[in-house]
Amino acid sequence: MGKATYHLLSSSAVLSIDILKADLESAEWKVLENLILEDVLEQIGQLIFEIHLHWPGFEVSGSDSSVVRFWYSLLKELELKDFRLFHSYKDLSKPQLFLKKDIFNASSCYTLSWVNTRWK
């Protein structure tokens, strides 16, 4: 998923996407940021993202606290755009890492599902 998705959503070729599911192996944070910046979220009914927390992700850098603030800002923006988290899944088969640190009872990989409450 990349520029092609944004182009499709911004053109008249595709008016909406019922469900957008993505497992982007740590590129999800930048893709989510681009969906927000391109202002195409209202055209999506549900988002299902596998997020990875073991390292900051592609094109994301800075201190641990700045990375967490960046992640939080994206999740908060989803909420402000009326997306509500309705399901989360912690993949216990993945390492228990958070930003390269071992964390007890955590996972480096979660699947998060949101629904657009303004979906028509």
PDB file of N, CA and C in Angstrom:
ATOM      1  N   MET A   1       0.855  -1.169   0.000  1.00  0.00           N
ATOM      2  CA  MET A   1       0.000   0.000   0.000  1.00  0.00           C
ATOM      3  C   MET A   1       0.892   1.219   0.000  1.00  0.00           C
ATOM      4  N   GLY A   2       0.596   2.162  -0.818  1.00  0.00           N
ATOM      5  CA  GLY A   2       1.419   3.353  -0.893  1.00  0.00           C
ATOM      6  C   GLY A   2       0.676   4.427  -1.646  1.00  0.00           C
ATOM      7  N   LYS A   3       1.414   5.114  -2.508  1.00  0.00           N
ATOM      8  CA  LYS A   3       0.831   6.213  -3.274  1.00  0.00           C
ATOM      9  C   LYS A   3      -0.361   5.753  -4.111  1.00  0.00           C
ATOM     10  N   ALA A   4      -0.343   4.503  -4.553  1.00  0.00           N
ATOM     11  CA  ALA A   4      -1.455   3.999  -5.361  1.00  0.00           C
ATOM     12  C   ALA A   4      -2.761   4.045  -4.579  1.00  0.00           C
ATOM     13  N   THR A   5      -2.721   3.687  -3.295  1.00  0.00           N
ATOM     14  CA  THR A   5      -3.932   3.734  -2.469  1.00  0.00           C
ATOM     15  C   THR A   5      -4.437   5.161  -2.332  1.00  0.00           C
ATOM     16  N   TYR A   6      -3.529   6.093  -2.081  1.00  0.00           N
ATOM     17  CA  TYR A   6      -3.938   7.488  -1.934  1.00  0.00           C
ATOM     18  C   TYR A   6      -4.483   8.026  -3.242  1.00  0.00           C
ATOM     19  N   HIS A   7      -3.849   7.646  -4.356  1.00  0.00           N
ATOM     20  CA  HIS A   7      -4.321   8.087  -5.663  1.00  0.00           C
ATOM     21  C   HIS A   7      -5.722   7.541  -5.934  1.00  0.00           C
ATOM     22  N   LEU A   8      -5.935   6.261  -5.632  1.00  0.00           N
ATOM     23  CA  LEU A   8      -7.255   5.669  -5.840  1.00  0.00           C
ATOM     24  C   LEU A   8      -8.318   6.387  -5.021  1.00  0.00           C
ATOM     25  N   LEU A   9      -7.995   6.657  -3.757  1.00  0.00           N
ATOM     26  CA  LEU A   9      -8.981   7.297  -2.886  1.00  0.00           C
ATOM     27  C   LEU A   9      -9.215   8.758  -3.255  1.00  0.00           C
ATOM     28  N   SER A  10      -8.226   9.416  -3.807  1.00  0.00           N
ATOM     29  CA  SER A  10      -8.393  10.820  -4.148  1.00  0.00           C
ATOM     30  C   SER A  10      -8.954  11.019  -5.557  1.00  0.00           C
ATOM     31  N   SER A  11      -8.989   9.951  -6.347  1.00  0.00           N
ATOM     32  CA  SER A  11      -9.566  10.049  -7.686  1.00  0.00           C
ATOM     33  C   SER A  11     -11.033   9.631  -7.641  1.00  0.00           C
ATOM     34  N   SER A  12     -11.700   9.774  -8.741  1.00  0.00           N
ATOM     35  CA  SER A  12     -13.100   9.359  -8.785  1.00  0.00           C
ATOM     36  C   SER A  12     -13.240   7.865  -9.052  1.00  0.00           C
ATOM     37  N   ALA A  13     -12.114   7.169  -9.256  1.00  0.00           N
ATOM     38  CA  ALA A  13     -12.172   5.738  -9.558  1.00  0.00           C
ATOM     39  C   ALA A  13     -12.718   4.933  -8.377  1.00  0.00           C
ATOM     40  N   VAL A  14     -12.353   5.287  -7.188  1.00  0.00           N
ATOM     41  CA  VAL A  14     -12.811   4.575  -5.994  1.00  0.00           C
ATOM     42  C   VAL A  14     -13.399   5.602  -5.032  1.00  0.00           C
ATOM     43  N   LEU A  15     -14.673   5.428  -4.704  1.00  0.00           N
ATOM     44  CA  LEU A  15     -15.320   6.362  -3.802  1.00  0.00           C
ATOM     45  C   LEU A  15     -15.127   5.998  -2.342  1.00  0.00           C
ATOM     46  N   SER A  16     -14.976   4.694  -2.070  1.00  0.00           N
ATOM     47  CA  SER A  16     -14.820   4.269  -0.683  1.00  0.00           C
ATOM     48  C   SER A  16     -14.201   2.884  -0.619  1.00  0.00           C
ATOM     49  N   ILE A  17     -13.672   2.588   0.557  1.00  0.00           N
ATOM     50  CA  ILE A  17     -13.134   1.260   0.847  1.00  0.00           C
ATOM     51  C   ILE A  17     -13.823   0.791   2.119  1.00  0.00           C
ATOM     52  N   ASP A  18     -14.518  -0.331   2.048  1.00  0.00           N
ATOM     53  CA  ASP A  18     -15.215  -0.839   3.224  1.00  0.00           C
ATOM     54  C   ASP A  18     -14.235  -1.215   4.325  1.00  0.00           C
ATOM     55  N   ILE A  19     -13.238  -2.027   3.991  1.00  0.00           N
ATOM     56  CA  ILE A  19     -12.261  -2.495   4.982  1.00  0.00           C
ATOM     57  C   ILE A  19     -10.869  -2.390   4.373  1.00  0.00           C
ATOM     58  N   LEU A  20      -9.979  -1.719   5.083  1.00  0.00           N
ATOM     59  CA  LEU A  20      -8.583  -1.640   4.679  1.00  0.00           C
ATOM     60  C   LEU A  20      -7.763  -2.386   5.717  1.00  0.00           C
ATOM     61  N   LYS A  21      -7.191  -3.517   5.296  1.00  0.00           N
ATOM     62  CA  LYS A  21      -6.386  -4.353   6.184  1.00  0.00           C
ATOM     63  C   LYS A  21      -4.951  -4.276   5.719  1.00  0.00           C
ATOM     64  N   ALA A  22      -4.040  -4.030   6.666  1.00  0.00           N
ATOM     65  CA  ALA A  22      -2.639  -3.871   6.295  1.00  0.00           C
ATOM     66  C   ALA A  22      -1.713  -4.490   7.326  1.00  0.00           C
ATOM     67  N   ASP A  23      -0.763  -5.251   6.835  1.00  0.00           N
ATOM     68  CA  ASP A  23       0.353  -5.772   7.620  1.00  0.00           C
ATOM     69  C   ASP A  23       1.593  -5.335   6.868  1.00  0.00           C
ATOM     70  N   LEU A  24       2.172  -4.247   7.289  1.00  0.00           N
ATOM     71  CA  LEU A  24       3.212  -3.585   6.508  1.00  0.00           C
ATOM     72  C   LEU A  24       4.602  -3.708   7.114  1.00  0.00           C
ATOM     73  N   GLU A  25       4.763  -4.623   8.066  1.00  0.00           N
ATOM     74  CA  GLU A  25       6.078  -4.914   8.642  1.00  0.00           C
ATOM     75  C   GLU A  25       6.841  -3.659   9.038  1.00  0.00           C
ATOM     76  N   SER A  26       6.214  -2.851   9.862  1.00  0.00           N
ATOM     77  CA  SER A  26       6.784  -1.642  10.477  1.00  0.00           C
ATOM     78  C   SER A  26       6.681  -0.389   9.616  1.00  0.00           C
ATOM     79  N   ALA A  27       6.059  -0.463   8.446  1.00  0.00           N
ATOM     80  CA  ALA A  27       5.800   0.740   7.654  1.00  0.00           C
ATOM     81  C   ALA A  27       4.420   1.310   7.976  1.00  0.00           C
ATOM     82  N   GLU A  28       3.667   0.618   8.853  1.00  0.00           N
ATOM     83  CA  GLU A  28       2.280   1.011   9.110  1.00  0.00           C
ATOM     84  C   GLU A  28       2.146   2.410   9.710  1.00  0.00           C
ATOM     85  N   TRP A  29       3.136   2.826  10.498  1.00  0.00           N
ATOM     86  CA  TRP A  29       3.020   4.141  11.143  1.00  0.00           C
ATOM     87  C   TRP A  29       3.074   5.264  10.104  1.00  0.00           C
ATOM     88  N   LYS A  30       3.950   5.161   9.111  1.00  0.00           N
ATOM     89  CA  LYS A  30       4.028   6.181   8.069  1.00  0.00           C
ATOM     90  C   LYS A  30       2.816   6.107   7.144  1.00  0.00           C
ATOM     91  N   VAL A  31       2.326   4.929   6.859  1.00  0.00           N
ATOM     92  CA  VAL A  31       1.132   4.795   6.027  1.00  0.00           C
ATOM     93  C   VAL A  31      -0.069   5.406   6.746  1.00  0.00           C
ATOM     94  N   LEU A  32      -0.198   5.126   8.033  1.00  0.00           N
ATOM     95  CA  LEU A  32      -1.291   5.710   8.809  1.00  0.00           C
ATOM     96  C   LEU A  32      -1.180   7.233   8.824  1.00  0.00           C
ATOM     97  N   GLU A  33       0.032   7.730   9.011  1.00  0.00           N
ATOM     98  CA  GLU A  33       0.241   9.181   8.971  1.00  0.00           C
ATOM     99  C   GLU A  33      -0.188   9.751   7.621  1.00  0.00           C
ATOM    100  N   ASN A  34       0.178   9.070   6.529  1.00  0.00           N
ATOM    101  CA  ASN A  34      -0.196   9.558   5.202  1.00  0.00           C
ATOM    102  C   ASN A  34      -1.701   9.505   4.963  1.00  0.00           C
ATOM    103  N   LEU A  35      -2.365   8.476   5.450  1.00  0.00           N
ATOM    104  CA  LEU A  35      -3.834   8.424   5.334  1.00  0.00           C
ATOM    105  C   LEU A  35      -4.466   9.626   6.029  1.00  0.00           C
ATOM    106  N   ILE A  36      -3.911   9.999   7.180  1.00  0.00           N
ATOM    107  CA  ILE A  36      -4.421  11.154   7.923  1.00  0.00           C
ATOM    108  C   ILE A  36      -4.099  12.445   7.173  1.00  0.00           C
ATOM    109  N   LEU A  37      -2.847  12.604   6.744  1.00  0.00           N
ATOM    110  CA  LEU A  37      -2.433  13.838   6.067  1.00  0.00           C
ATOM    111  C   LEU A  37      -3.120  14.026   4.725  1.00  0.00           C
ATOM    112  N   GLU A  38      -3.379  12.933   4.019  1.00  0.00           N
ATOM    113  CA  GLU A  38      -4.054  13.014   2.717  1.00  0.00           C
ATOM    114  C   GLU A  38      -5.562  13.210   2.867  1.00  0.00           C
ATOM    115  N   ASP A  39      -6.040  13.160   4.113  1.00  0.00           N
ATOM    116  CA  ASP A  39      -7.450  13.400   4.433  1.00  0.00           C
ATOM    117  C   ASP A  39      -8.389  12.463   3.662  1.00  0.00           C
ATOM    118  N   VAL A  40      -8.045  11.160   3.686  1.00  0.00           N
ATOM    119  CA  VAL A  40      -8.869  10.168   2.997  1.00  0.00           C
ATOM    120  C   VAL A  40      -9.545   9.200   3.966  1.00  0.00           C
ATOM    121  N   LEU A  41      -9.380   9.407   5.264  1.00  0.00           N
ATOM    122  CA  LEU A  41      -9.944   8.464   6.238  1.00  0.00           C
ATOM    123  C   LEU A  41     -11.461   8.359   6.161  1.00  0.00           C
ATOM    124  N   GLU A  42     -12.125   9.453   5.831  1.00  0.00           N
ATOM    125  CA  GLU A  42     -13.588   9.389   5.786  1.00  0.00           C
ATOM    126  C   GLU A  42     -14.092   8.447   4.708  1.00  0.00           C
ATOM    127  N   GLN A  43     -13.225   8.063   3.776  1.00  0.00           N
ATOM    128  CA  GLN A  43     -13.599   7.153   2.702  1.00  0.00           C
ATOM    129  C   GLN A  43     -13.377   5.685   3.087  1.00  0.00           C
ATOM    130  N   ILE A  44     -12.963   5.449   4.317  1.00  0.00           N
ATOM    131  CA  ILE A  44     -12.657   4.092   4.771  1.00  0.00           C
ATOM    132  C   ILE A  44     -13.604   3.720   5.908  1.00  0.00           C
ATOM    133  N   GLY A  45     -14.251   2.566   5.793  1.00  0.00           N
ATOM    134  CA  GLY A  45     -15.205   2.122   6.807  1.00  0.00           C
ATOM    135  C   GLY A  45     -14.548   1.494   8.021  1.00  0.00           C
ATOM    136  N   GLN A  46     -13.566   0.652   7.788  1.00  0.00           N
ATOM    137  CA  GLN A  46     -12.831   0.002   8.883  1.00  0.00           C
ATOM    138  C   GLN A  46     -11.358  -0.053   8.535  1.00  0.00           C
ATOM    139  N   LEU A  47     -10.535   0.099   9.549  1.00  0.00           N
ATOM    140  CA  LEU A  47      -9.087  -0.072   9.424  1.00  0.00           C
ATOM    141  C   LEU A  47      -8.671  -1.248  10.285  1.00  0.00           C
ATOM    142  N   ILE A  48      -7.892  -2.136   9.719  1.00  0.00           N
ATOM    143  CA  ILE A  48      -7.319  -3.241  10.488  1.00  0.00           C
ATOM    144  C   ILE A  48      -5.824  -3.212  10.201  1.00  0.00           C
ATOM    145  N   PHE A  49      -5.052  -2.823  11.212  1.00  0.00           N
ATOM    146  CA  PHE A  49      -3.603  -2.698  11.045  1.00  0.00           C
ATOM    147  C   PHE A  49      -2.897  -3.616  12.012  1.00  0.00           C
ATOM    148  N   GLU A  50      -1.915  -4.331  11.499  1.00  0.00           N
ATOM    149  CA  GLU A  50      -0.992  -5.051  12.373  1.00  0.00           C
ATOM    150  C   GLU A  50       0.137  -4.066  12.670  1.00  0.00           C
ATOM    151  N   ILE A  51       0.257  -3.695  13.939  1.00  0.00           N
ATOM    152  CA  ILE A  51       1.284  -2.725  14.304  1.00  0.00           C
ATOM    153  C   ILE A  51       2.446  -3.431  14.990  1.00  0.00           C
ATOM    154  N   HIS A  52       3.618  -2.886  14.769  1.00  0.00           N
ATOM    155  CA  HIS A  52       4.847  -3.471  15.307  1.00  0.00           C
ATOM    156  C   HIS A  52       5.504  -2.454  16.233  1.00  0.00           C
ATOM    157  N   LEU A  53       5.846  -2.909  17.415  1.00  0.00           N
ATOM    158  CA  LEU A  53       6.375  -2.007  18.437  1.00  0.00           C
ATOM    159  C   LEU A  53       7.816  -2.318  18.823  1.00  0.00           C
ATOM    160  N   HIS A  54       8.450  -3.266  18.159  1.00  0.00           N
ATOM    161  CA  HIS A  54       9.802  -3.655  18.557  1.00  0.00           C
ATOM    162  C   HIS A  54      10.861  -2.636  18.141  1.00  0.00           C
ATOM    163  N   TRP A  55      10.538  -1.792  17.161  1.00  0.00           N
ATOM    164  CA  TRP A  55      11.420  -0.684  16.776  1.00  0.00           C
ATOM    165  C   TRP A  55      10.537   0.426  16.226  1.00  0.00           C
ATOM    166  N   PRO A  56      11.060   1.651  16.069  1.00  0.00           N
ATOM    167  CA  PRO A  56      10.208   2.780  15.679  1.00  0.00           C
ATOM    168  C   PRO A  56       9.462   2.601  14.369  1.00  0.00           C
ATOM    169  N   GLY A  57      10.057   1.927  13.394  1.00  0.00           N
ATOM    170  CA  GLY A  57       9.409   1.761  12.106  1.00  0.00           C
ATOM    171  C   GLY A  57      10.156   2.518  11.023  1.00  0.00           C
ATOM    172  N   PHE A  58       9.797   2.248   9.777  1.00  0.00           N
ATOM    173  CA  PHE A  58      10.443   2.910   8.655  1.00  0.00           C
ATOM    174  C   PHE A  58      10.181   4.404   8.691  1.00  0.00           C
ATOM    175  N   GLU A  59      11.223   5.178   8.450  1.00  0.00           N
ATOM    176  CA  GLU A  59      11.142   6.642   8.386  1.00  0.00           C
ATOM    177  C   GLU A  59      10.636   7.271   9.677  1.00  0.00           C
ATOM    178  N   VAL A  60      10.759   6.571  10.800  1.00  0.00           N
ATOM    179  CA  VAL A  60      10.400   7.112  12.112  1.00  0.00           C
ATOM    180  C   VAL A  60      11.657   7.045  12.963  1.00  0.00           C
ATOM    181  N   SER A  61      12.028   8.158  13.554  1.00  0.00           N
ATOM    182  CA  SER A  61      13.252   8.159  14.353  1.00  0.00           C
ATOM    183  C   SER A  61      13.090   9.106  15.538  1.00  0.00           C
ATOM    184  N   GLY A  62      14.095   9.112  16.384  1.00  0.00           N
ATOM    185  CA  GLY A  62      14.096   9.985  17.550  1.00  0.00           C
ATOM    186  C   GLY A  62      14.234   9.171  18.816  1.00  0.00           C
ATOM    187  N   SER A  63      14.136   9.864  19.919  1.00  0.00           N
ATOM    188  CA  SER A  63      14.213   9.196  21.214  1.00  0.00           C
ATOM    189  C   SER A  63      12.989   8.317  21.407  1.00  0.00           C
ATOM    190  N   ASP A  64      13.087   7.377  22.344  1.00  0.00           N
ATOM    191  CA  ASP A  64      11.935   6.511  22.623  1.00  0.00           C
ATOM    192  C   ASP A  64      10.694   7.332  22.941  1.00  0.00           C
ATOM    193  N   SER A  65      10.855   8.380  23.754  1.00  0.00           N
ATOM    194  CA  SER A  65       9.680   9.180  24.129  1.00  0.00           C
ATOM    195  C   SER A  65       9.093   9.913  22.926  1.00  0.00           C
ATOM    196  N   SER A  66       9.935  10.398  22.006  1.00  0.00           N
ATOM    197  CA  SER A  66       9.383  11.084  20.829  1.00  0.00           C
ATOM    198  C   SER A  66       8.697  10.101  19.888  1.00  0.00           C
ATOM    199  N   VAL A  67       9.216   8.882  19.789  1.00  0.00           N
ATOM    200  CA  VAL A  67       8.571   7.853  18.965  1.00  0.00           C
ATOM    201  C   VAL A  67       7.199   7.506  19.539  1.00  0.00           C
ATOM    202  N   VAL A  68       7.118   7.309  20.849  1.00  0.00           N
ATOM    203  CA  VAL A  68       5.837   6.987  21.489  1.00  0.00           C
ATOM    204  C   VAL A  68       4.863   8.153  21.319  1.00  0.00           C
ATOM    205  N   ARG A  69       5.345   9.392  21.433  1.00  0.00           N
ATOM    206  CA  ARG A  69       4.463  10.551  21.212  1.00  0.00           C
ATOM    207  C   ARG A  69       3.945  10.574  19.777  1.00  0.00           C
ATOM    208  N   PHE A  70       4.811  10.243  18.811  1.00  0.00           N
ATOM    209  CA  PHE A  70       4.387  10.189  17.407  1.00  0.00           C
ATOM    210  C   PHE A  70       3.317   9.131  17.224  1.00  0.00           C
ATOM    211  N   TRP A  71       3.559   7.915  17.743  1.00  0.00           N
ATOM    212  CA  TRP A  71       2.563   6.849  17.643  1.00  0.00           C
ATOM    213  C   TRP A  71       1.246   7.294  18.276  1.00  0.00           C
ATOM    214  N   TYR A  72       1.336   7.860  19.486  1.00  0.00           N
ATOM    215  CA  TYR A  72       0.129   8.303  20.198  1.00  0.00           C
ATOM    216  C   TYR A  72      -0.612   9.369  19.386  1.00  0.00           C
ATOM    217  N   SER A  73       0.116  10.295  18.782  1.00  0.00           N
ATOM    218  CA  SER A  73      -0.541  11.365  18.019  1.00  0.00           C
ATOM    219  C   SER A  73      -1.345  10.789  16.853  1.00  0.00           C
ATOM    220  N   LEU A  74      -0.840   9.734  16.229  1.00  0.00           N
ATOM    221  CA  LEU A  74      -1.588   9.110  15.125  1.00  0.00           C
ATOM    222  C   LEU A  74      -2.842   8.415  15.641  1.00  0.00           C
ATOM    223  N   LEU A  75      -2.706   7.698  16.745  1.00  0.00           N
ATOM    224  CA  LEU A  75      -3.867   7.013  17.316  1.00  0.00           C
ATOM    225  C   LEU A  75      -4.908   8.022  17.797  1.00  0.00           C
ATOM    226  N   LYS A  76      -4.446   9.116  18.377  1.00  0.00           N
ATOM    227  CA  LYS A  76      -5.356  10.172  18.830  1.00  0.00           C
ATOM    228  C   LYS A  76      -6.063  10.823  17.639  1.00  0.00           C
ATOM    229  N   GLU A  77      -5.340  11.006  16.551  1.00  0.00           N
ATOM    230  CA  GLU A  77      -5.941  11.600  15.347  1.00  0.00           C
ATOM    231  C   GLU A  77      -7.029  10.700  14.775  1.00  0.00           C
ATOM    232  N   LEU A  78      -6.821   9.394  14.823  1.00  0.00           N
ATOM    233  CA  LEU A  78      -7.881   8.463  14.408  1.00  0.00           C
ATOM    234  C   LEU A  78      -9.136   8.681  15.249  1.00  0.00           C
ATOM    235  N   GLU A  79      -8.939   8.811  16.549  1.00  0.00           N
ATOM    236  CA  GLU A  79     -10.078   9.047  17.440  1.00  0.00           C
ATOM    237  C   GLU A  79     -10.766  10.368  17.108  1.00  0.00           C
ATOM    238  N   LEU A  80     -10.002  11.401  16.840  1.00  0.00           N
ATOM    239  CA  LEU A  80     -10.582  12.705  16.489  1.00  0.00           C
ATOM    240  C   LEU A  80     -11.332  12.654  15.159  1.00  0.00           C
ATOM    241  N   LYS A  81     -10.934  11.711  14.293  1.00  0.00           N
ATOM    242  CA  LYS A  81     -11.623  11.525  13.013  1.00  0.00           C
ATOM    243  C   LYS A  81     -12.780  10.534  13.148  1.00  0.00           C
ATOM    244  N   ASP A  82     -13.177  10.248  14.382  1.00  0.00           N
ATOM    245  CA  ASP A  82     -14.322   9.395  14.706  1.00  0.00           C
ATOM    246  C   ASP A  82     -14.119   7.919  14.395  1.00  0.00           C
ATOM    247  N   PHE A  83     -12.885   7.466  14.439  1.00  0.00           N
ATOM    248  CA  PHE A  83     -12.604   6.032  14.382  1.00  0.00           C
ATOM    249  C   PHE A  83     -12.532   5.516  15.806  1.00  0.00           C
ATOM    250  N   ARG A  84     -13.197   4.403  16.063  1.00  0.00           N
ATOM    251  CA  ARG A  84     -13.220   3.806  17.403  1.00  0.00           C
ATOM    252  C   ARG A  84     -12.602   2.416  17.349  1.00  0.00           C
ATOM    253  N   LEU A  85     -11.707   2.164  18.272  1.00  0.00           N
ATOM    254  CA  LEU A  85     -11.088   0.857  18.382  1.00  0.00           C
ATOM    255  C   LEU A  85     -12.149  -0.129  18.852  1.00  0.00           C
ATOM    256  N   PHE A  86     -12.358  -1.199  18.085  1.00  0.00           N
ATOM    257  CA  PHE A  86     -13.356  -2.179  18.511  1.00  0.00           C
ATOM    258  C   PHE A  86     -12.760  -3.554  18.763  1.00  0.00           C
ATOM    259  N   HIS A  87     -11.494  -3.754  18.400  1.00  0.00           N
ATOM    260  CA  HIS A  87     -10.873  -5.049  18.661  1.00  0.00           C
ATOM    261  C   HIS A  87      -9.361  -4.881  18.689  1.00  0.00           C
ATOM    262  N   SER A  88      -8.723  -5.588  19.616  1.00  0.00           N
ATOM    263  CA  SER A  88      -7.260  -5.648  19.625  1.00  0.00           C
ATOM    264  C   SER A  88      -6.838  -7.083  19.910  1.00  0.00           C
ATOM    265  N   TYR A  89      -5.725  -7.461  19.317  1.00  0.00           N
ATOM    266  CA  TYR A  89      -5.206  -8.814  19.482  1.00  0.00           C
ATOM    267  C   TYR A  89      -3.708  -8.721  19.715  1.00  0.00           C
ATOM    268  N   LYS A  90      -3.248  -9.297  20.803  1.00  0.00           N
ATOM    269  CA  LYS A  90      -1.830  -9.331  21.132  1.00  0.00           C
ATOM    270  C   LYS A  90      -1.266 -10.661  20.654  1.00  0.00           C
ATOM    271  N   ASP A  91      -0.306 -10.612  19.746  1.00  0.00           N
ATOM    272  CA  ASP A  91       0.287 -11.826  19.197  1.00  0.00           C
ATOM    273  C   ASP A  91       1.378 -12.328  20.142  1.00  0.00           C
ATOM    274  N   LEU A  92       1.036 -13.324  20.938  1.00  0.00           N
ATOM    275  CA  LEU A  92       1.968 -13.848  21.931  1.00  0.00           C
ATOM    276  C   LEU A  92       3.074 -14.702  21.324  1.00  0.00           C
ATOM    277  N   SER A  93       2.965 -15.020  20.043  1.00  0.00           N
ATOM    278  CA  SER A  93       4.024 -15.785  19.392  1.00  0.00           C
ATOM    279  C   SER A  93       5.209 -14.901  19.001  1.00  0.00           C
ATOM    280  N   LYS A  94       5.020 -13.594  19.065  1.00  0.00           N
ATOM    281  CA  LYS A  94       6.083 -12.646  18.716  1.00  0.00           C
ATOM    282  C   LYS A  94       6.923 -12.336  19.955  1.00  0.00           C
ATOM    283  N   PRO A  95       8.128 -11.832  19.766  1.00  0.00           N
ATOM    284  CA  PRO A  95       8.978 -11.483  20.918  1.00  0.00           C
ATOM    285  C   PRO A  95       8.321 -10.440  21.819  1.00  0.00           C
ATOM    286  N   GLN A  96       8.680 -10.458  23.075  1.00  0.00           N
ATOM    287  CA  GLN A  96       8.157  -9.489  24.041  1.00  0.00           C
ATOM    288  C   GLN A  96       9.080  -8.274  24.070  1.00  0.00           C
ATOM    289  N   LEU A  97       9.021  -7.498  22.985  1.00  0.00           N
ATOM    290  CA  LEU A  97       9.889  -6.332  22.842  1.00  0.00           C
ATOM    291  C   LEU A  97       9.067  -5.075  22.625  1.00  0.00           C
ATOM    292  N   PHE A  98       9.540  -4.004  23.218  1.00  0.00           N
ATOM    293  CA  PHE A  98       8.964  -2.679  22.996  1.00  0.00           C
ATOM    294  C   PHE A  98      10.145  -1.741  22.785  1.00  0.00           C
ATOM    295  N   LEU A  99      10.279  -1.217  21.583  1.00  0.00           N
ATOM    296  CA  LEU A  99      11.414  -0.366  21.227  1.00  0.00           C
ATOM    297  C   LEU A  99      12.740  -1.000  21.645  1.00  0.00           C
ATOM    298  N   LYS A 100      12.898  -2.234  21.233  1.00  0.00           N
ATOM    299  CA  LYS A 100      14.119  -3.029  21.422  1.00  0.00           C
ATOM    300  C   LYS A 100      14.395  -3.414  22.874  1.00  0.00           C
ATOM    301  N   LYS A 101      13.435  -3.213  23.762  1.00  0.00           N
ATOM    302  CA  LYS A 101      13.609  -3.592  25.162  1.00  0.00           C
ATOM    303  C   LYS A 101      12.670  -4.745  25.495  1.00  0.00           C
ATOM    304  N   ASP A 102      13.187  -5.705  26.270  1.00  0.00           N
ATOM    305  CA  ASP A 102      12.340  -6.804  26.732  1.00  0.00           C
ATOM    306  C   ASP A 102      11.314  -6.263  27.719  1.00  0.00           C
ATOM    307  N   ILE A 103      10.053  -6.560  27.476  1.00  0.00           N
ATOM    308  CA  ILE A 103       8.965  -6.120  28.351  1.00  0.00           C
ATOM    309  C   ILE A 103       8.127  -7.346  28.690  1.00  0.00           C
ATOM    310  N   PHE A 104       7.992  -7.630  29.970  1.00  0.00           N
ATOM    311  CA  PHE A 104       7.203  -8.774  30.405  1.00  0.00           C
ATOM    312  C   PHE A 104       5.743  -8.585  30.026  1.00  0.00           C
ATOM    313  N   ASN A 105       5.114  -9.642  29.556  1.00  0.00           N
ATOM    314  CA  ASN A 105       3.687  -9.671  29.239  1.00  0.00           C
ATOM    315  C   ASN A 105       3.292  -8.662  28.154  1.00  0.00           C
ATOM    316  N   ALA A 106       4.196  -8.419  27.256  1.00  0.00           N
ATOM    317  CA  ALA A 106       3.899  -7.534  26.126  1.00  0.00           C
ATOM    318  C   ALA A 106       4.128  -8.329  24.845  1.00  0.00           C
ATOM    319  N   SER A 107       3.878  -7.716  23.753  1.00  0.00           N
ATOM    320  CA  SER A 107       4.168  -8.315  22.458  1.00  0.00           C
ATOM    321  C   SER A 107       4.713  -7.221  21.560  1.00  0.00           C
ATOM    322  N   SER A 108       5.533  -7.599  20.617  1.00  0.00           N
ATOM    323  CA  SER A 108       6.039  -6.621  19.656  1.00  0.00           C
ATOM    324  C   SER A 108       5.053  -6.423  18.502  1.00  0.00           C
ATOM    325  N   CYS A 109       3.949  -7.170  18.525  1.00  0.00           N
ATOM    326  CA  CYS A 109       3.006  -7.124  17.414  1.00  0.00           C
ATOM    327  C   CYS A 109       1.561  -7.217  17.920  1.00  0.00           C
ATOM    328  N   TYR A 110       0.747  -6.252  17.500  1.00  0.00           N
ATOM    329  CA  TYR A 110      -0.675  -6.224  17.846  1.00  0.00           C
ATOM    330  C   TYR A 110      -1.475  -5.999  16.568  1.00  0.00           C
ATOM    331  N   THR A 111      -2.645  -6.573  16.514  1.00  0.00           N
ATOM    332  CA  THR A 111      -3.584  -6.248  15.450  1.00  0.00           C
ATOM    333  C   THR A 111      -4.668  -5.379  16.069  1.00  0.00           C
ATOM    334  N   LEU A 112      -4.828  -4.180  15.514  1.00  0.00           N
ATOM    335  CA  LEU A 112      -5.820  -3.227  16.011  1.00  0.00           C
ATOM    336  C   LEU A 112      -6.855  -2.975  14.925  1.00  0.00           C
ATOM    337  N   SER A 113      -8.117  -2.970  15.334  1.00  0.00           N
ATOM    338  CA  SER A 113      -9.219  -2.775  14.385  1.00  0.00           C
ATOM    339  C   SER A 113     -10.073  -1.601  14.831  1.00  0.00           C
ATOM    340  N   TRP A 114     -10.295  -0.669  13.902  1.00  0.00           N
ATOM    341  CA  TRP A 114     -11.112   0.505  14.173  1.00  0.00           C
ATOM    342  C   TRP A 114     -12.288   0.544  13.212  1.00  0.00           C
ATOM    343  N   VAL A 115     -13.379   1.127  13.661  1.00  0.00           N
ATOM    344  CA  VAL A 115     -14.530   1.359  12.802  1.00  0.00           C
ATOM    345  C   VAL A 115     -14.758   2.870  12.701  1.00  0.00           C
ATOM    346  N   ASN A 116     -15.082   3.308  11.519  1.00  0.00           N
ATOM    347  CA  ASN A 116     -15.403   4.722  11.274  1.00  0.00           C
ATOM    348  C   ASN A 116     -16.861   4.924  11.668  1.00  0.00           C
ATOM    349  N   THR A 117     -17.098   5.642  12.755  1.00  0.00           N
ATOM    350  CA  THR A 117     -18.466   5.816  13.262  1.00  0.00           C
ATOM    351  C   THR A 117     -19.298   6.743  12.394  1.00  0.00           C
ATOM    352  N   ARG A 118     -18.669   7.426  11.451  1.00  0.00           N
ATOM    353  CA  ARG A 118     -19.413   8.294  10.507  1.00  0.00           C
ATOM    354  C   ARG A 118     -19.583   7.623   9.152  1.00  0.00           C
ATOM    355  N   TRP A 119     -19.293   6.338   9.066  1.00  0.00           N
ATOM    356  CA  TRP A 119     -19.361   5.615   7.791  1.00  0.00           C
ATOM    357  C   TRP A 119     -20.780   5.581   7.268  1.00  0.00           C
ATOM    358  N   LYS A 120     -20.940   5.840   5.990  1.00  0.00           N
ATOM    359  CA  LYS A 120     -22.273   5.859   5.387  1.00  0.00           C
ATOM    360  C   LYS A 120     -22.408   4.735   4.392  1.00  0.00           C
TER     361      LYS A 120
END
